[in-house]
Amino acid sequence: MPEGVRWTHPGGGFFLWISLPEPMRSSDVAERARRAGLWIPSGDPFFAEEPTGQCLRLAFSYVAPDRIVQGIETLAQIVRAS
């Protein structure tokens, strides 16, 4: 991922979170990802408090590891171009 992008390192569960640097908006990145064939939701609907608009929620429990690597590479390209 490009500089400024952060992500969680889950010890379990089904999701990890990516935090995008300002001024990137997760909704814009998620839309570009959809056009590239990735279904990654903006994190905004998952926040109990006011969302920041900077987070993406990535599921990893159902996807095969080789597809995860391919998807992350595609997502990184999209973020770099944003």
Protein backbone atom coordinates (compact mmCIF):
# COMPACT_ATOMS: atom_id res chain seq x y z
CA MET A 1 0.00 0.00 0.00
CA PRO A 2 1.10 3.57 -0.58
CA GLU A 3 2.53 5.70 2.18
CA GLY A 4 -0.08 6.95 4.66
CA VAL A 5 -2.35 3.90 4.38
CA ARG A 6 -2.73 1.97 7.64
CA TRP A 7 -4.39 -1.35 8.37
CA THR A 8 -5.28 -3.49 11.34
CA HIS A 9 -3.57 -6.76 12.16
CA PRO A 10 -6.43 -8.93 13.44
CA GLY A 11 -5.74 -11.80 15.78
CA GLY A 12 -8.93 -13.48 14.63
CA GLY A 13 -12.31 -12.73 13.19
CA PHE A 14 -13.41 -12.17 9.63
CA PHE A 15 -12.41 -8.60 8.76
CA LEU A 16 -9.57 -6.14 8.73
CA TRP A 17 -9.74 -2.38 8.39
CA ILE A 18 -7.81 -0.10 6.07
CA SER A 19 -7.52 3.60 6.95
CA LEU A 20 -6.90 5.92 4.03
CA PRO A 21 -5.02 9.21 4.36
CA GLU A 22 -6.75 12.55 3.81
CA PRO A 23 -8.08 13.69 1.40
CA MET A 24 -8.98 10.20 0.06
CA ARG A 25 -12.57 9.15 0.63
CA SER A 26 -13.39 5.50 1.22
CA SER A 27 -16.60 5.75 -0.80
CA ASP A 28 -14.62 6.89 -3.87
CA VAL A 29 -12.03 4.13 -3.47
CA ALA A 30 -14.77 1.52 -2.91
CA GLU A 31 -16.52 2.62 -6.12
CA ARG A 32 -13.30 2.38 -8.13
CA ALA A 33 -12.69 -1.05 -6.59
CA ARG A 34 -16.17 -2.21 -7.66
CA ARG A 35 -15.44 -1.14 -11.23
CA ALA A 36 -12.27 -3.27 -11.04
CA GLY A 37 -14.26 -6.30 -9.85
CA LEU A 38 -13.58 -5.98 -6.10
CA TRP A 39 -16.47 -5.77 -3.67
CA ILE A 40 -15.02 -3.76 -0.78
CA PRO A 41 -17.44 -1.68 1.28
CA SER A 42 -16.72 1.72 2.69
CA GLY A 43 -16.51 1.37 6.45
CA ASP A 44 -18.96 4.20 7.17
CA PRO A 45 -22.09 2.03 7.74
CA PHE A 46 -20.20 -0.08 10.30
CA PHE A 47 -19.39 2.76 12.71
CA ALA A 48 -21.53 3.32 15.80
CA GLU A 49 -20.32 6.93 16.01
CA GLU A 50 -19.85 9.52 13.26
CA PRO A 51 -17.77 7.86 10.52
CA THR A 52 -14.56 9.46 9.29
CA GLY A 53 -15.05 8.53 5.65
CA GLN A 54 -11.51 7.15 5.55
CA CYS A 55 -11.99 3.43 6.29
CA LEU A 56 -12.55 0.32 4.18
CA ARG A 57 -13.70 -2.99 5.66
CA LEU A 58 -12.09 -6.04 4.06
CA ALA A 59 -13.45 -9.55 4.60
CA PHE A 60 -10.94 -12.38 4.43
CA SER A 61 -12.77 -15.42 5.79
CA TYR A 62 -14.35 -16.64 2.55
CA VAL A 63 -11.73 -15.75 -0.06
CA ALA A 64 -8.87 -18.09 -1.03
CA PRO A 65 -5.39 -16.78 -0.10
CA ASP A 66 -4.24 -16.43 -3.73
CA ARG A 67 -7.33 -14.34 -4.51
CA ILE A 68 -6.66 -12.18 -1.43
CA VAL A 69 -3.15 -11.38 -2.69
CA GLN A 70 -4.51 -10.53 -6.14
CA GLY A 71 -7.25 -8.35 -4.63
CA ILE A 72 -4.84 -6.45 -2.37
CA GLU A 73 -2.53 -5.77 -5.32
CA THR A 74 -5.48 -4.41 -7.30
CA LEU A 75 -6.67 -2.33 -4.35
CA ALA A 76 -3.16 -0.90 -3.86
CA GLN A 77 -3.11 0.20 -7.52
CA ILE A 78 -6.48 1.87 -7.09
CA VAL A 79 -5.36 3.68 -3.92
CA ARG A 80 -2.12 4.83 -5.60
CA ALA A 81 -4.14 6.29 -8.46
CA SER A 82 -6.59 8.09 -6.13
